[in-house]
């Protein structure tokens, strides 16, 4: 069972944490989106997030002012033989540029 769990492909891609009060977005990418988002939520709730700006906004606005969203998922089959980290970085950069053009204030995680 343990081996089967390890073989399960987890969605990887780009996500954002957005403050709905000021539209400030924090963008990141992960090899396991669900785990990374859960980690951010836990760190923020315990007041120990490594991004001090995000933690300060969280503390002052509260958790109800934030949304966690998957922006894009990388097709694992397509990138199985390539440098996935590089592909995720490129995908995140594309989203950052797109959001900036739309007028969103963006911070990279």
PDB file of N, CA and C in Angstrom:
ATOM      1  N   UNK A   1       0.821  -1.185   0.000  1.00  0.00           N
ATOM      2  CA  UNK A   1       0.000   0.000   0.000  1.00  0.00           C
ATOM      3  C   UNK A   1       0.878   1.267   0.000  1.00  0.00           C
ATOM      4  N   UNK A   2       1.944   1.206   0.767  1.00  0.00           N
ATOM      5  CA  UNK A   2       2.848   2.349   0.856  1.00  0.00           C
ATOM      6  C   UNK A   2       3.498   2.637  -0.493  1.00  0.00           C
ATOM      7  N   UNK A   3       3.901   1.585  -1.193  1.00  0.00           N
ATOM      8  CA  UNK A   3       4.513   1.739  -2.517  1.00  0.00           C
ATOM      9  C   UNK A   3       3.514   2.328  -3.507  1.00  0.00           C
ATOM     10  N   UNK A   4       2.279   1.861  -3.433  1.00  0.00           N
ATOM     11  CA  UNK A   4       1.239   2.374  -4.334  1.00  0.00           C
ATOM     12  C   UNK A   4       0.999   3.849  -4.090  1.00  0.00           C
ATOM     13  N   UNK A   5       0.976   4.246  -2.821  1.00  0.00           N
ATOM     14  CA  UNK A   5       0.787   5.667  -2.484  1.00  0.00           C
ATOM     15  C   UNK A   5       1.907   6.517  -3.065  1.00  0.00           C
ATOM     16  N   UNK A   6       3.140   6.042  -2.969  1.00  0.00           N
ATOM     17  CA  UNK A   6       4.287   6.800  -3.470  1.00  0.00           C
ATOM     18  C   UNK A   6       4.263   6.940  -4.986  1.00  0.00           C
ATOM     19  N   UNK A   7       3.622   5.975  -5.670  1.00  0.00           N
ATOM     20  CA  UNK A   7       3.565   6.022  -7.130  1.00  0.00           C
ATOM     21  C   UNK A   7       2.444   6.918  -7.659  1.00  0.00           C
ATOM     22  N   UNK A   8       1.518   7.299  -6.794  1.00  0.00           N
ATOM     23  CA  UNK A   8       0.412   8.154  -7.216  1.00  0.00           C
ATOM     24  C   UNK A   8       0.973   9.526  -7.595  1.00  0.00           C
ATOM     25  N   UNK A   9       0.641   9.962  -8.784  1.00  0.00           N
ATOM     26  CA  UNK A   9       1.118  11.265  -9.253  1.00  0.00           C
ATOM     27  C   UNK A   9       0.228  12.350  -8.672  1.00  0.00           C
ATOM     28  N   UNK A  10       0.862  13.262  -7.995  1.00  0.00           N
ATOM     29  CA  UNK A  10       0.141  14.370  -7.376  1.00  0.00           C
ATOM     30  C   UNK A  10       0.163  15.563  -8.329  1.00  0.00           C
ATOM     31  N   UNK A  11      -0.932  16.334  -8.371  1.00  0.00           N
ATOM     32  CA  UNK A  11      -0.953  17.495  -9.267  1.00  0.00           C
ATOM     33  C   UNK A  11       0.148  18.495  -8.906  1.00  0.00           C
ATOM     34  N   UNK A  12       0.889  18.918  -9.907  1.00  0.00           N
ATOM     35  CA  UNK A  12       1.902  19.949  -9.711  1.00  0.00           C
ATOM     36  C   UNK A  12       1.580  21.110 -10.624  1.00  0.00           C
ATOM     37  N   UNK A  13       1.933  22.317 -10.162  1.00  0.00           N
ATOM     38  CA  UNK A  13       1.616  23.478 -10.970  1.00  0.00           C
ATOM     39  C   UNK A  13       1.801  24.770 -10.208  1.00  0.00           C
ATOM     40  N   UNK A  14       1.034  25.769 -10.625  1.00  0.00           N
ATOM     41  CA  UNK A  14       1.152  27.133 -10.100  1.00  0.00           C
ATOM     42  C   UNK A  14      -0.107  27.455  -9.292  1.00  0.00           C
ATOM     43  N   UNK A  15       0.091  28.116  -8.167  1.00  0.00           N
ATOM     44  CA  UNK A  15      -1.019  28.493  -7.302  1.00  0.00           C
ATOM     45  C   UNK A  15      -0.880  29.953  -6.893  1.00  0.00           C
ATOM     46  N   UNK A  16      -1.973  30.488  -6.361  1.00  0.00           N
ATOM     47  CA  UNK A  16      -1.896  31.833  -5.799  1.00  0.00           C
ATOM     48  C   UNK A  16      -2.694  31.904  -4.509  1.00  0.00           C
ATOM     49  N   UNK A  17      -2.197  32.771  -3.659  1.00  0.00           N
ATOM     50  CA  UNK A  17      -2.894  33.130  -2.432  1.00  0.00           C
ATOM     51  C   UNK A  17      -3.258  34.586  -2.638  1.00  0.00           C
ATOM     52  N   UNK A  18      -4.539  34.894  -2.620  1.00  0.00           N
ATOM     53  CA  UNK A  18      -4.951  36.265  -2.918  1.00  0.00           C
ATOM     54  C   UNK A  18      -5.725  36.864  -1.746  1.00  0.00           C
ATOM     55  N   UNK A  19      -5.370  38.093  -1.439  1.00  0.00           N
ATOM     56  CA  UNK A  19      -6.097  38.853  -0.424  1.00  0.00           C
ATOM     57  C   UNK A  19      -7.257  39.522  -1.162  1.00  0.00           C
ATOM     58  N   UNK A  20      -8.467  39.142  -0.823  1.00  0.00           N
ATOM     59  CA  UNK A  20      -9.635  39.643  -1.536  1.00  0.00           C
ATOM     60  C   UNK A  20      -9.967  41.091  -1.174  1.00  0.00           C
ATOM     61  N   UNK A  21      -9.351  41.613  -0.125  1.00  0.00           N
ATOM     62  CA  UNK A  21      -9.597  43.000   0.264  1.00  0.00           C
ATOM     63  C   UNK A  21      -8.767  43.984  -0.543  1.00  0.00           C
ATOM     64  N   UNK A  22      -7.549  43.572  -0.949  1.00  0.00           N
ATOM     65  CA  UNK A  22      -6.696  44.513  -1.688  1.00  0.00           C
ATOM     66  C   UNK A  22      -6.179  43.937  -3.013  1.00  0.00           C
ATOM     67  N   UNK A  23      -6.622  42.740  -3.384  1.00  0.00           N
ATOM     68  CA  UNK A  23      -6.237  42.060  -4.629  1.00  0.00           C
ATOM     69  C   UNK A  23      -4.736  41.793  -4.741  1.00  0.00           C
ATOM     70  N   UNK A  24      -4.021  41.771  -3.642  1.00  0.00           N
ATOM     71  CA  UNK A  24      -2.605  41.433  -3.674  1.00  0.00           C
ATOM     72  C   UNK A  24      -2.484  39.922  -3.767  1.00  0.00           C
ATOM     73  N   UNK A  25      -1.681  39.462  -4.718  1.00  0.00           N
ATOM     74  CA  UNK A  25      -1.545  38.029  -4.963  1.00  0.00           C
ATOM     75  C   UNK A  25      -0.131  37.556  -4.644  1.00  0.00           C
ATOM     76  N   UNK A  26      -0.054  36.410  -4.031  1.00  0.00           N
ATOM     77  CA  UNK A  26       1.208  35.740  -3.734  1.00  0.00           C
ATOM     78  C   UNK A  26       1.233  34.487  -4.596  1.00  0.00           C
ATOM     79  N   UNK A  27       2.224  34.397  -5.485  1.00  0.00           N
ATOM     80  CA  UNK A  27       2.288  33.332  -6.477  1.00  0.00           C
ATOM     81  C   UNK A  27       3.424  32.365  -6.144  1.00  0.00           C
ATOM     82  N   UNK A  28       3.149  31.081  -6.323  1.00  0.00           N
ATOM     83  CA  UNK A  28       4.172  30.068  -6.124  1.00  0.00           C
ATOM     84  C   UNK A  28       3.896  28.862  -6.995  1.00  0.00           C
ATOM     85  N   UNK A  29       4.829  27.930  -6.992  1.00  0.00           N
ATOM     86  CA  UNK A  29       4.619  26.674  -7.716  1.00  0.00           C
ATOM     87  C   UNK A  29       5.083  25.525  -6.843  1.00  0.00           C
ATOM     88  N   UNK A  30       4.537  24.336  -7.130  1.00  0.00           N
ATOM     89  CA  UNK A  30       4.835  23.192  -6.277  1.00  0.00           C
ATOM     90  C   UNK A  30       4.733  21.892  -7.057  1.00  0.00           C
ATOM     91  N   UNK A  31       5.483  20.905  -6.581  1.00  0.00           N
ATOM     92  CA  UNK A  31       5.411  19.556  -7.138  1.00  0.00           C
ATOM     93  C   UNK A  31       4.197  18.804  -6.596  1.00  0.00           C
ATOM     94  N   UNK A  32       3.670  19.252  -5.481  1.00  0.00           N
ATOM     95  CA  UNK A  32       2.455  18.687  -4.881  1.00  0.00           C
ATOM     96  C   UNK A  32       1.619  19.868  -4.406  1.00  0.00           C
ATOM     97  N   UNK A  33       0.691  20.296  -5.259  1.00  0.00           N
ATOM     98  CA  UNK A  33      -0.089  21.508  -4.984  1.00  0.00           C
ATOM     99  C   UNK A  33      -0.880  21.427  -3.681  1.00  0.00           C
ATOM    100  N   UNK A  34      -1.559  20.336  -3.462  1.00  0.00           N
ATOM    101  CA  UNK A  34      -2.379  20.217  -2.255  1.00  0.00           C
ATOM    102  C   UNK A  34      -1.532  20.330  -0.989  1.00  0.00           C
ATOM    103  N   UNK A  35      -0.404  19.634  -0.971  1.00  0.00           N
ATOM    104  CA  UNK A  35       0.469  19.676   0.210  1.00  0.00           C
ATOM    105  C   UNK A  35       1.025  21.078   0.435  1.00  0.00           C
ATOM    106  N   UNK A  36       1.434  21.752  -0.644  1.00  0.00           N
ATOM    107  CA  UNK A  36       2.012  23.091  -0.489  1.00  0.00           C
ATOM    108  C   UNK A  36       0.978  24.086   0.022  1.00  0.00           C
ATOM    109  N   UNK A  37      -0.234  24.028  -0.534  1.00  0.00           N
ATOM    110  CA  UNK A  37      -1.292  24.942  -0.095  1.00  0.00           C
ATOM    111  C   UNK A  37      -1.638  24.682   1.372  1.00  0.00           C
ATOM    112  N   UNK A  38      -1.734  23.412   1.745  1.00  0.00           N
ATOM    113  CA  UNK A  38      -2.012  23.081   3.146  1.00  0.00           C
ATOM    114  C   UNK A  38      -0.899  23.581   4.063  1.00  0.00           C
ATOM    115  N   UNK A  39       0.336  23.505   3.606  1.00  0.00           N
ATOM    116  CA  UNK A  39       1.464  24.000   4.398  1.00  0.00           C
ATOM    117  C   UNK A  39       1.355  25.508   4.614  1.00  0.00           C
ATOM    118  N   UNK A  40       1.043  26.238   3.542  1.00  0.00           N
ATOM    119  CA  UNK A  40       0.861  27.694   3.668  1.00  0.00           C
ATOM    120  C   UNK A  40      -0.231  28.013   4.690  1.00  0.00           C
ATOM    121  N   UNK A  41      -1.358  27.328   4.580  1.00  0.00           N
ATOM    122  CA  UNK A  41      -2.470  27.577   5.498  1.00  0.00           C
ATOM    123  C   UNK A  41      -2.060  27.323   6.943  1.00  0.00           C
ATOM    124  N   UNK A  42      -1.373  26.222   7.179  1.00  0.00           N
ATOM    125  CA  UNK A  42      -0.952  25.886   8.544  1.00  0.00           C
ATOM    126  C   UNK A  42       0.031  26.915   9.082  1.00  0.00           C
ATOM    127  N   UNK A  43       1.025  27.288   8.273  1.00  0.00           N
ATOM    128  CA  UNK A  43       2.014  28.275   8.721  1.00  0.00           C
ATOM    129  C   UNK A  43       1.352  29.615   9.020  1.00  0.00           C
ATOM    130  N   UNK A  44       0.417  30.019   8.190  1.00  0.00           N
ATOM    131  CA  UNK A  44      -0.268  31.293   8.410  1.00  0.00           C
ATOM    132  C   UNK A  44      -1.124  31.242   9.676  1.00  0.00           C
ATOM    133  N   UNK A  45      -1.830  30.156   9.866  1.00  0.00           N
ATOM    134  CA  UNK A  45      -2.688  30.038  11.053  1.00  0.00           C
ATOM    135  C   UNK A  45      -1.884  29.999  12.349  1.00  0.00           C
ATOM    136  N   UNK A  46      -0.676  29.424  12.288  1.00  0.00           N
ATOM    137  CA  UNK A  46       0.177  29.348  13.478  1.00  0.00           C
ATOM    138  C   UNK A  46       1.099  30.555  13.624  1.00  0.00           C
ATOM    139  N   UNK A  47       1.028  31.497  12.651  1.00  0.00           N
ATOM    140  CA  UNK A  47       1.839  32.706  12.727  1.00  0.00           C
ATOM    141  C   UNK A  47       3.299  32.502  12.427  1.00  0.00           C
ATOM    142  N   UNK A  48       3.611  31.467  11.666  1.00  0.00           N
ATOM    143  CA  UNK A  48       5.017  31.138  11.410  1.00  0.00           C
ATOM    144  C   UNK A  48       5.389  31.119   9.932  1.00  0.00           C
ATOM    145  N   UNK A  49       4.622  31.822   9.104  1.00  0.00           N
ATOM    146  CA  UNK A  49       4.913  31.796   7.667  1.00  0.00           C
ATOM    147  C   UNK A  49       6.233  32.498   7.381  1.00  0.00           C
ATOM    148  N   UNK A  50       7.018  31.931   6.475  1.00  0.00           N
ATOM    149  CA  UNK A  50       8.350  32.484   6.162  1.00  0.00           C
ATOM    150  C   UNK A  50       8.286  33.798   5.388  1.00  0.00           C
ATOM    151  N   UNK A  51       7.150  34.076   4.731  1.00  0.00           N
ATOM    152  CA  UNK A  51       6.993  35.358   4.051  1.00  0.00           C
ATOM    153  C   UNK A  51       6.336  36.317   5.047  1.00  0.00           C
ATOM    154  N   UNK A  52       7.153  37.183   5.613  1.00  0.00           N
ATOM    155  CA  UNK A  52       6.673  38.077   6.683  1.00  0.00           C
ATOM    156  C   UNK A  52       5.569  39.016   6.213  1.00  0.00           C
ATOM    157  N   UNK A  53       5.666  39.493   4.972  1.00  0.00           N
ATOM    158  CA  UNK A  53       4.631  40.391   4.439  1.00  0.00           C
ATOM    159  C   UNK A  53       3.277  39.682   4.396  1.00  0.00           C
ATOM    160  N   UNK A  54       3.265  38.461   3.875  1.00  0.00           N
ATOM    161  CA  UNK A  54       2.024  37.691   3.812  1.00  0.00           C
ATOM    162  C   UNK A  54       1.491  37.433   5.223  1.00  0.00           C
ATOM    163  N   UNK A  55       2.370  37.085   6.148  1.00  0.00           N
ATOM    164  CA  UNK A  55       1.946  36.817   7.521  1.00  0.00           C
ATOM    165  C   UNK A  55       1.333  38.056   8.165  1.00  0.00           C
ATOM    166  N   UNK A  56       1.953  39.222   7.942  1.00  0.00           N
ATOM    167  CA  UNK A  56       1.426  40.470   8.509  1.00  0.00           C
ATOM    168  C   UNK A  56       0.044  40.797   7.955  1.00  0.00           C
ATOM    169  N   UNK A  57      -0.133  40.620   6.646  1.00  0.00           N
ATOM    170  CA  UNK A  57      -1.440  40.891   6.030  1.00  0.00           C
ATOM    171  C   UNK A  57      -2.472  39.898   6.550  1.00  0.00           C
ATOM    172  N   UNK A  58      -2.079  38.645   6.687  1.00  0.00           N
ATOM    173  CA  UNK A  58      -2.965  37.616   7.232  1.00  0.00           C
ATOM    174  C   UNK A  58      -3.395  37.983   8.653  1.00  0.00           C
ATOM    175  N   UNK A  59      -2.423  38.401   9.461  1.00  0.00           N
ATOM    176  CA  UNK A  59      -2.720  38.743  10.851  1.00  0.00           C
ATOM    177  C   UNK A  59      -3.685  39.925  10.951  1.00  0.00           C
ATOM    178  N   UNK A  60      -3.512  40.910  10.078  1.00  0.00           N
ATOM    179  CA  UNK A  60      -4.354  42.103  10.155  1.00  0.00           C
ATOM    180  C   UNK A  60      -5.709  41.921   9.470  1.00  0.00           C
ATOM    181  N   UNK A  61      -5.766  41.091   8.424  1.00  0.00           N
ATOM    182  CA  UNK A  61      -7.013  40.929   7.657  1.00  0.00           C
ATOM    183  C   UNK A  61      -7.838  39.724   8.083  1.00  0.00           C
ATOM    184  N   UNK A  62      -7.187  38.697   8.591  1.00  0.00           N
ATOM    185  CA  UNK A  62      -7.880  37.471   8.965  1.00  0.00           C
ATOM    186  C   UNK A  62      -7.986  36.489   7.816  1.00  0.00           C
ATOM    187  N   UNK A  63      -8.198  35.237   8.162  1.00  0.00           N
ATOM    188  CA  UNK A  63      -8.205  34.189   7.139  1.00  0.00           C
ATOM    189  C   UNK A  63      -9.368  34.300   6.159  1.00  0.00           C
ATOM    190  N   UNK A  64     -10.454  34.935   6.564  1.00  0.00           N
ATOM    191  CA  UNK A  64     -11.604  35.062   5.661  1.00  0.00           C
ATOM    192  C   UNK A  64     -11.319  36.012   4.489  1.00  0.00           C
ATOM    193  N   UNK A  65     -10.240  36.785   4.568  1.00  0.00           N
ATOM    194  CA  UNK A  65      -9.884  37.719   3.495  1.00  0.00           C
ATOM    195  C   UNK A  65      -8.995  37.074   2.435  1.00  0.00           C
ATOM    196  N   UNK A  66      -8.734  35.778   2.550  1.00  0.00           N
ATOM    197  CA  UNK A  66      -7.823  35.110   1.626  1.00  0.00           C
ATOM    198  C   UNK A  66      -8.485  33.961   0.893  1.00  0.00           C
ATOM    199  N   UNK A  67      -8.048  33.797  -0.354  1.00  0.00           N
ATOM    200  CA  UNK A  67      -8.464  32.654  -1.164  1.00  0.00           C
ATOM    201  C   UNK A  67      -7.211  31.958  -1.670  1.00  0.00           C
ATOM    202  N   UNK A  68      -7.251  30.642  -1.725  1.00  0.00           N
ATOM    203  CA  UNK A  68      -6.159  29.829  -2.246  1.00  0.00           C
ATOM    204  C   UNK A  68      -6.666  29.202  -3.532  1.00  0.00           C
ATOM    205  N   UNK A  69      -5.900  29.377  -4.591  1.00  0.00           N
ATOM    206  CA  UNK A  69      -6.394  28.966  -5.903  1.00  0.00           C
ATOM    207  C   UNK A  69      -5.284  28.327  -6.725  1.00  0.00           C
ATOM    208  N   UNK A  70      -5.601  27.224  -7.388  1.00  0.00           N
ATOM    209  CA  UNK A  70      -4.682  26.609  -8.350  1.00  0.00           C
ATOM    210  C   UNK A  70      -4.895  27.324  -9.679  1.00  0.00           C
ATOM    211  N   UNK A  71      -3.820  27.909 -10.208  1.00  0.00           N
ATOM    212  CA  UNK A  71      -3.922  28.648 -11.467  1.00  0.00           C
ATOM    213  C   UNK A  71      -3.680  27.755 -12.681  1.00  0.00           C
ATOM    214  N   UNK A  72      -2.776  26.806 -12.545  1.00  0.00           N
ATOM    215  CA  UNK A  72      -2.402  25.979 -13.686  1.00  0.00           C
ATOM    216  C   UNK A  72      -1.803  24.674 -13.186  1.00  0.00           C
ATOM    217  N   UNK A  73      -2.092  23.596 -13.882  1.00  0.00           N
ATOM    218  CA  UNK A  73      -1.541  22.289 -13.541  1.00  0.00           C
ATOM    219  C   UNK A  73      -0.681  21.821 -14.704  1.00  0.00           C
ATOM    220  N   UNK A  74       0.505  21.359 -14.375  1.00  0.00           N
ATOM    221  CA  UNK A  74       1.443  20.875 -15.390  1.00  0.00           C
ATOM    222  C   UNK A  74       1.099  19.436 -15.741  1.00  0.00           C
ATOM    223  N   UNK A  75       1.042  19.135 -17.030  1.00  0.00           N
ATOM    224  CA  UNK A  75       0.766  17.782 -17.492  1.00  0.00           C
ATOM    225  C   UNK A  75       1.992  16.921 -17.220  1.00  0.00           C
ATOM    226  N   UNK A  76       1.892  16.026 -16.253  1.00  0.00           N
ATOM    227  CA  UNK A  76       3.040  15.231 -15.837  1.00  0.00           C
ATOM    228  C   UNK A  76       3.519  14.281 -16.925  1.00  0.00           C
ATOM    229  N   UNK A  77       2.618  13.775 -17.718  1.00  0.00           N
ATOM    230  CA  UNK A  77       3.017  12.870 -18.790  1.00  0.00           C
ATOM    231  C   UNK A  77       3.881  13.588 -19.821  1.00  0.00           C
ATOM    232  N   UNK A  78       3.502  14.819 -20.119  1.00  0.00           N
ATOM    233  CA  UNK A  78       4.220  15.601 -21.125  1.00  0.00           C
ATOM    234  C   UNK A  78       5.621  15.969 -20.662  1.00  0.00           C
ATOM    235  N   UNK A  79       5.794  16.204 -19.370  1.00  0.00           N
ATOM    236  CA  UNK A  79       7.072  16.677 -18.861  1.00  0.00           C
ATOM    237  C   UNK A  79       7.817  15.625 -18.053  1.00  0.00           C
ATOM    238  N   UNK A  80       7.481  14.384 -18.252  1.00  0.00           N
ATOM    239  CA  UNK A  80       8.105  13.315 -17.494  1.00  0.00           C
ATOM    240  C   UNK A  80       9.617  13.235 -17.724  1.00  0.00           C
ATOM    241  N   UNK A  81      10.071  13.561 -18.903  1.00  0.00           N
ATOM    242  CA  UNK A  81      11.489  13.426 -19.246  1.00  0.00           C
ATOM    243  C   UNK A  81      12.243  14.754 -19.209  1.00  0.00           C
ATOM    244  N   UNK A  82      11.604  15.815 -18.838  1.00  0.00           N
ATOM    245  CA  UNK A  82      12.257  17.117 -18.851  1.00  0.00           C
ATOM    246  C   UNK A  82      12.500  17.607 -17.437  1.00  0.00           C
ATOM    247  N   UNK A  83      13.115  18.756 -17.329  1.00  0.00           N
ATOM    248  CA  UNK A  83      13.370  19.372 -16.038  1.00  0.00           C
ATOM    249  C   UNK A  83      12.078  20.023 -15.552  1.00  0.00           C
ATOM    250  N   UNK A  84      11.359  19.322 -14.710  1.00  0.00           N
ATOM    251  CA  UNK A  84      10.049  19.774 -14.254  1.00  0.00           C
ATOM    252  C   UNK A  84      10.167  21.074 -13.456  1.00  0.00           C
ATOM    253  N   UNK A  85      11.195  21.194 -12.641  1.00  0.00           N
ATOM    254  CA  UNK A  85      11.381  22.414 -11.853  1.00  0.00           C
ATOM    255  C   UNK A  85      11.490  23.632 -12.768  1.00  0.00           C
ATOM    256  N   UNK A  86      12.232  23.501 -13.836  1.00  0.00           N
ATOM    257  CA  UNK A  86      12.378  24.606 -14.790  1.00  0.00           C
ATOM    258  C   UNK A  86      11.051  24.922 -15.475  1.00  0.00           C
ATOM    259  N   UNK A  87      10.314  23.892 -15.845  1.00  0.00           N
ATOM    260  CA  UNK A  87       9.015  24.098 -16.491  1.00  0.00           C
ATOM    261  C   UNK A  87       8.029  24.795 -15.538  1.00  0.00           C
ATOM    262  N   UNK A  88       8.028  24.395 -14.270  1.00  0.00           N
ATOM    263  CA  UNK A  88       7.147  25.034 -13.294  1.00  0.00           C
ATOM    264  C   UNK A  88       7.533  26.497 -13.088  1.00  0.00           C
ATOM    265  N   UNK A  89       8.830  26.759 -13.055  1.00  0.00           N
ATOM    266  CA  UNK A  89       9.308  28.140 -12.895  1.00  0.00           C
ATOM    267  C   UNK A  89       8.856  29.005 -14.076  1.00  0.00           C
ATOM    268  N   UNK A  90       8.974  28.487 -15.274  1.00  0.00           N
ATOM    269  CA  UNK A  90       8.543  29.212 -16.477  1.00  0.00           C
ATOM    270  C   UNK A  90       7.037  29.459 -16.432  1.00  0.00           C
ATOM    271  N   UNK A  91       6.277  28.445 -16.047  1.00  0.00           N
ATOM    272  CA  UNK A  91       4.824  28.577 -15.956  1.00  0.00           C
ATOM    273  C   UNK A  91       4.438  29.630 -14.921  1.00  0.00           C
ATOM    274  N   UNK A  92       5.121  29.633 -13.784  1.00  0.00           N
ATOM    275  CA  UNK A  92       4.851  30.637 -12.749  1.00  0.00           C
ATOM    276  C   UNK A  92       5.171  32.036 -13.262  1.00  0.00           C
ATOM    277  N   UNK A  93       6.296  32.185 -13.954  1.00  0.00           N
ATOM    278  CA  UNK A  93       6.657  33.492 -14.524  1.00  0.00           C
ATOM    279  C   UNK A  93       5.604  33.982 -15.511  1.00  0.00           C
ATOM    280  N   UNK A  94       5.065  33.083 -16.311  1.00  0.00           N
ATOM    281  CA  UNK A  94       4.023  33.467 -17.264  1.00  0.00           C
ATOM    282  C   UNK A  94       2.797  33.994 -16.523  1.00  0.00           C
ATOM    283  N   UNK A  95       2.411  33.328 -15.433  1.00  0.00           N
ATOM    284  CA  UNK A  95       1.267  33.780 -14.649  1.00  0.00           C
ATOM    285  C   UNK A  95       1.537  35.117 -13.972  1.00  0.00           C
ATOM    286  N   UNK A  96       2.732  35.281 -13.483  1.00  0.00           N
ATOM    287  CA  UNK A  96       3.096  36.545 -12.836  1.00  0.00           C
ATOM    288  C   UNK A  96       2.954  37.692 -13.830  1.00  0.00           C
ATOM    289  N   UNK A  97       3.479  37.526 -15.031  1.00  0.00           N
ATOM    290  CA  UNK A  97       3.387  38.571 -16.058  1.00  0.00           C
ATOM    291  C   UNK A  97       1.932  38.835 -16.438  1.00  0.00           C
ATOM    292  N   UNK A  98       1.157  37.770 -16.579  1.00  0.00           N
ATOM    293  CA  UNK A  98      -0.257  37.912 -16.938  1.00  0.00           C
ATOM    294  C   UNK A  98      -1.022  38.694 -15.864  1.00  0.00           C
ATOM    295  N   UNK A  99      -0.788  38.358 -14.605  1.00  0.00           N
ATOM    296  CA  UNK A  99      -1.489  39.037 -13.517  1.00  0.00           C
ATOM    297  C   UNK A  99      -1.040  40.487 -13.374  1.00  0.00           C
ATOM    298  N   UNK A 100       0.239  40.741 -13.574  1.00  0.00           N
ATOM    299  CA  UNK A 100       0.745  42.121 -13.504  1.00  0.00           C
ATOM    300  C   UNK A 100       0.120  42.973 -14.605  1.00  0.00           C
ATOM    301  N   UNK A 101       0.012  42.406 -15.805  1.00  0.00           N
ATOM    302  CA  UNK A 101      -0.617  43.144 -16.902  1.00  0.00           C
ATOM    303  C   UNK A 101      -2.076  43.463 -16.606  1.00  0.00           C
ATOM    304  N   UNK A 102      -2.709  42.604 -15.825  1.00  0.00           N
ATOM    305  CA  UNK A 102      -4.106  42.823 -15.444  1.00  0.00           C
ATOM    306  C   UNK A 102      -4.244  43.785 -14.282  1.00  0.00           C
ATOM    307  N   UNK A 103      -3.104  44.260 -13.756  1.00  0.00           N
ATOM    308  CA  UNK A 103      -3.130  45.243 -12.692  1.00  0.00           C
ATOM    309  C   UNK A 103      -3.079  44.684 -11.281  1.00  0.00           C
ATOM    310  N   UNK A 104      -2.821  43.398 -11.161  1.00  0.00           N
ATOM    311  CA  UNK A 104      -2.733  42.781  -9.844  1.00  0.00           C
ATOM    312  C   UNK A 104      -1.339  42.974  -9.257  1.00  0.00           C
ATOM    313  N   UNK A 105      -1.277  43.330  -8.000  1.00  0.00           N
ATOM    314  CA  UNK A 105       0.000  43.419  -7.298  1.00  0.00           C
ATOM    315  C   UNK A 105       0.441  41.995  -6.968  1.00  0.00           C
ATOM    316  N   UNK A 106       1.623  41.604  -7.427  1.00  0.00           N
ATOM    317  CA  UNK A 106       2.070  40.221  -7.313  1.00  0.00           C
ATOM    318  C   UNK A 106       3.366  40.128  -6.518  1.00  0.00           C
ATOM    319  N   UNK A 107       3.409  39.153  -5.613  1.00  0.00           N
ATOM    320  CA  UNK A 107       4.612  38.840  -4.843  1.00  0.00           C
ATOM    321  C   UNK A 107       4.902  37.354  -5.068  1.00  0.00           C
ATOM    322  N   UNK A 108       6.155  37.021  -5.307  1.00  0.00           N
ATOM    323  CA  UNK A 108       6.535  35.618  -5.506  1.00  0.00           C
ATOM    324  C   UNK A 108       6.815  34.963  -4.168  1.00  0.00           C
ATOM    325  N   UNK A 109       6.379  33.726  -4.039  1.00  0.00           N
ATOM    326  CA  UNK A 109       6.650  32.957  -2.815  1.00  0.00           C
ATOM    327  C   UNK A 109       7.849  32.062  -3.027  1.00  0.00           C
TER     328      UNK A 109
END
